C-alpha atoms as a PDB file:
ATOM      1  CA  MET A   1     -18.702 113.902  74.367  1.00  0.00           C
ATOM      2  CA  SER A   2     -16.826 112.578  71.358  1.00  0.00           C
ATOM      3  CA  LYS A   3     -15.018 109.295  71.832  1.00  0.00           C
ATOM      4  CA  ALA A   4     -12.941 109.552  68.637  1.00  0.00           C
ATOM      5  CA  LEU A   5      -9.177 109.820  69.010  1.00  0.00           C
ATOM      6  CA  ASN A   6      -9.132 112.099  65.975  1.00  0.00           C
ATOM      7  CA  SER A   7     -10.951 114.796  67.919  1.00  0.00           C
ATOM      8  CA  VAL A   8      -8.517 114.445  70.815  1.00  0.00           C
ATOM      9  CA  ALA A   9      -5.235 114.194  68.963  1.00  0.00           C
ATOM     10  CA  ALA A  10      -5.865 115.761  65.583  1.00  0.00           C
ATOM     11  CA  GLY A  11      -2.778 117.958  65.801  1.00  0.00           C
ATOM     12  CA  ASN A  12      -0.373 115.226  66.825  1.00  0.00           C
ATOM     13  CA  LYS A  13      -1.885 112.041  65.410  1.00  0.00           C
ATOM     14  CA  ALA A  14       1.139 111.280  63.189  1.00  0.00           C
ATOM     15  CA  ASP A  15       3.497 111.723  66.150  1.00  0.00           C
ATOM     16  CA  LEU A  16       1.360 109.436  68.318  1.00  0.00           C
ATOM     17  CA  VAL A  17       1.286 106.707  65.677  1.00  0.00           C
ATOM     18  CA  LYS A  18       5.058 106.985  65.227  1.00  0.00           C
ATOM     19  CA  ARG A  19       5.615 106.727  68.964  1.00  0.00           C
ATOM     20  CA  LEU A  20       3.257 103.751  69.276  1.00  0.00           C
ATOM     21  CA  ARG A  21       4.990 101.891  66.426  1.00  0.00           C
ATOM     22  CA  TYR A  22       8.317 102.494  68.170  1.00  0.00           C
ATOM     23  CA  ILE A  23       6.877 101.176  71.446  1.00  0.00           C
ATOM     24  CA  GLU A  24       5.455  98.156  69.643  1.00  0.00           C
ATOM     25  CA  GLY A  25       8.928  97.298  68.344  1.00  0.00           C
ATOM     26  CA  HIS A  26      10.416  97.833  71.767  1.00  0.00           C
ATOM     27  CA  VAL A  27       7.889  95.459  73.355  1.00  0.00           C
ATOM     28  CA  ARG A  28       8.743  92.793  70.779  1.00  0.00           C
ATOM     29  CA  ALA A  29      12.430  93.287  71.612  1.00  0.00           C
ATOM     30  CA  VAL A  30      11.703  92.834  75.322  1.00  0.00           C
ATOM     31  CA  ALA A  31       9.813  89.610  74.553  1.00  0.00           C
ATOM     32  CA  THR A  32      12.801  88.380  72.536  1.00  0.00           C
ATOM     33  CA  MET A  33      15.109  89.212  75.421  1.00  0.00           C
ATOM     34  CA  VAL A  34      12.934  87.143  77.758  1.00  0.00           C
ATOM     35  CA  GLU A  35      12.880  84.239  75.292  1.00  0.00           C
ATOM     36  CA  LYS A  36      16.683  84.354  75.026  1.00  0.00           C
ATOM     37  CA  ASP A  37      17.120  84.508  78.807  1.00  0.00           C
ATOM     38  CA  SER A  38      18.867  87.871  78.679  1.00  0.00           C
ATOM     39  CA  TYR A  39      20.252  89.449  81.825  1.00  0.00           C
ATOM     40  CA  CYS A  40      17.361  90.511  84.084  1.00  0.00           C
ATOM     41  CA  MET A  41      18.586  94.059  84.544  1.00  0.00           C
ATOM     42  CA  ASP A  42      18.801  94.525  80.759  1.00  0.00           C
ATOM     43  CA  ILE A  43      15.212  93.315  80.410  1.00  0.00           C
ATOM     44  CA  LEU A  44      14.082  95.622  83.209  1.00  0.00           C
ATOM     45  CA  ASP A  45      15.896  98.541  81.621  1.00  0.00           C
ATOM     46  CA  GLN A  46      14.144  97.990  78.293  1.00  0.00           C
ATOM     47  CA  SER A  47      10.790  97.365  79.967  1.00  0.00           C
ATOM     48  CA  HIS A  48      11.151 100.621  81.872  1.00  0.00           C
ATOM     49  CA  ALA A  49      11.835 102.426  78.583  1.00  0.00           C
ATOM     50  CA  VAL A  50       8.527 101.062  77.240  1.00  0.00           C
ATOM     51  CA  ILE A  51       6.667 102.281  80.319  1.00  0.00           C
ATOM     52  CA  GLU A  52       8.175 105.758  80.054  1.00  0.00           C
ATOM     53  CA  ALA A  53       7.386 105.923  76.342  1.00  0.00           C
ATOM     54  CA  MET A  54       3.751 105.005  77.059  1.00  0.00           C
ATOM     55  CA  LYS A  55       3.607 107.703  79.718  1.00  0.00           C
ATOM     56  CA  LYS A  56       4.641 110.220  77.062  1.00  0.00           C
ATOM     57  CA  VAL A  57       1.947 108.925  74.677  1.00  0.00           C
ATOM     58  CA  ASN A  58      -0.642 109.216  77.444  1.00  0.00           C
ATOM     59  CA  SER A  59       0.570 112.716  78.221  1.00  0.00           C
ATOM     60  CA  LEU A  60       0.145 113.800  74.596  1.00  0.00           C
ATOM     61  CA  ILE A  61      -3.340 112.304  74.419  1.00  0.00           C
ATOM     62  CA  LEU A  62      -4.266 113.949  77.721  1.00  0.00           C
ATOM     63  CA  GLU A  63      -2.954 117.274  76.471  1.00  0.00           C
ATOM     64  CA  GLY A  64      -5.165 116.978  73.407  1.00  0.00           C
ATOM     65  CA  TYR A  65      -8.148 115.958  75.502  1.00  0.00           C
ATOM     66  CA  LEU A  66      -7.760 118.868  77.863  1.00  0.00           C
ATOM     67  CA  GLY A  67      -7.179 121.311  75.031  1.00  0.00           C
ATOM     68  CA  GLU A  68     -10.009 120.149  72.814  1.00  0.00           C
ATOM     69  CA  CYS A  69     -12.676 118.363  74.814  1.00  0.00           C
ATOM     70  CA  VAL A  70     -12.553 119.956  78.261  1.00  0.00           C
ATOM     71  CA  LEU A  71     -11.978 123.533  77.107  1.00  0.00           C
ATOM     72  CA  ASP A  72     -14.645 123.150  74.419  1.00  0.00           C
ATOM     73  CA  ALA A  73     -17.081 121.773  76.993  1.00  0.00           C
ATOM     74  CA  LYS A  74     -16.263 124.635  79.356  1.00  0.00           C
ATOM     75  CA  SER A  75     -17.054 127.266  76.774  1.00  0.00           C
ATOM     76  CA  SER A  76     -20.315 125.692  75.675  1.00  0.00           C
ATOM     77  CA  ASN A  77     -21.985 124.106  78.664  1.00  0.00           C
ATOM     78  CA  PRO A  78     -21.093 123.636  82.358  1.00  0.00           C
ATOM     79  CA  THR A  79     -22.778 120.213  82.370  1.00  0.00           C
ATOM     80  CA  LYS A  80     -20.596 119.053  79.478  1.00  0.00           C
ATOM     81  CA  ARG A  81     -17.525 120.307  81.324  1.00  0.00           C
ATOM     82  CA  LYS A  82     -18.473 118.235  84.362  1.00  0.00           C
ATOM     83  CA  GLU A  83     -19.003 115.193  82.138  1.00  0.00           C
ATOM     84  CA  ALA A  84     -15.588 115.697  80.530  1.00  0.00           C
ATOM     85  CA  VAL A  85     -13.861 115.950  83.900  1.00  0.00           C
ATOM     86  CA  LYS A  86     -15.792 112.954  85.231  1.00  0.00           C
ATOM     87  CA  GLU A  87     -14.723 110.917  82.196  1.00  0.00           C
ATOM     88  CA  LEU A  88     -11.089 111.865  82.781  1.00  0.00           C
ATOM     89  CA  ILE A  89     -11.230 110.974  86.480  1.00  0.00           C
ATOM     90  CA  LYS A  90     -12.806 107.619  85.621  1.00  0.00           C
ATOM     91  CA  ILE A  91      -9.825 106.739  83.407  1.00  0.00           C
ATOM     92  CA  TYR A  92      -7.247 107.722  86.025  1.00  0.00           C
ATOM     93  CA  THR A  93      -8.938 105.954  88.937  1.00  0.00           C
ATOM     94  CA  LYS A  94      -9.309 102.530  87.292  1.00  0.00           C
ATOM     95  CA  LYS A  95      -7.874  99.695  89.327  1.00  0.00           C
END
């Protein structure tokens, strides 16, 4: 099972990087708001926007993973498919 992001997100790598740079700037803005003692609800609103943006990034990466890794494993070897699914479940059940 390949661990490289390139194999997972080859088709949308540029979009992912763009989204992550945007999120990075947003997180810095939230930190600045906290430093400046901005209104709590404004901070929460911006923080929530960061969370939702990360959910979208995760969704795009998951879409690539399912499309490339899991489907490829399914067509080639049932054991590889099980490994791919197990790997995915491990990520989503972390505490």
